């Protein structure tokens, strides 16, 4: 009897939940995403809804392009500034979350201050059924896929994207790279490879191998969080290694901010220290870009 009672209770509960779900669907409501404070794959759950709202309000021209090289095709998101003259190109490298709405919104922010921003989806072709970042079923799957990307393929994708963007009629031929978190590390690594960079901007990303620093030709500017010991611990050694290699490296640490402050500092539930760090970091980024 107890087993039968439990089954009856479970059936009633399931039916109740089903009615509630149907009611929400019928009223046009979307299912609520997991709390931003929950851990998901060892990191905070990414709330990617508010960046899309912001992006949808942008007055700037935005488009998707297919960049083909060899046997590979990379999808990239391009945003153009509303300026009279030709503009420099900024290559935007996404976080470990793939080419999210936040990454695209950051590209739009850079276009807003006068630059052609292009953000390649480095998961192009690696998603379910040959799709990209938006085709993965959840954050865990996306993070795992980005983590397993072949570094050589990433570099080739970035090269192809940079080559494409520099040849755009609206481009003045100058090129900079900016990356965030995982993309920050790739930005630093790209500086060891690409000789025509005017500057590399590294947002809370790890440094490349010390020996590779000898190949850097552009100035590297670092943006780090005070409450991020994992990445912060790499900065002193990077300063020494870059100095020994005779390279320009200027890191700034934003005290009180946490890892990912360029994302967290703009979120609806942003902490004051992250808001302050984001504002100061973007102002610094804009100033450095103008000085290229």
Foldseek 3Di string as FASTA:
>chain_A
DVVVVVVVVVVVVVVVVVVVVVVCVVVVHDDDDPDQCDDDLNHGFDDQPVLVVVVVPDPWDKDWDWQDDDPDIWIKIKTAAPDDAFAAEEEEEEALLFCTSLSNSVQSVVSPLPHIYMYIGLQQLVAVPGHTNVRHPGSNRSNVSSVPDDLVSVLVVSVRRLVVVLPPPSHPNAYEYEYAACGLQVQQVNQLPDQRHQETEHELYAHDDLVSLLSGDHAYEYEEEQAECVSVVRVVVVVVSNVVSVHHYHYDYQYPADGPLLRLLPDPPHDPSSVVSNVVVVVVVSVVSVVD
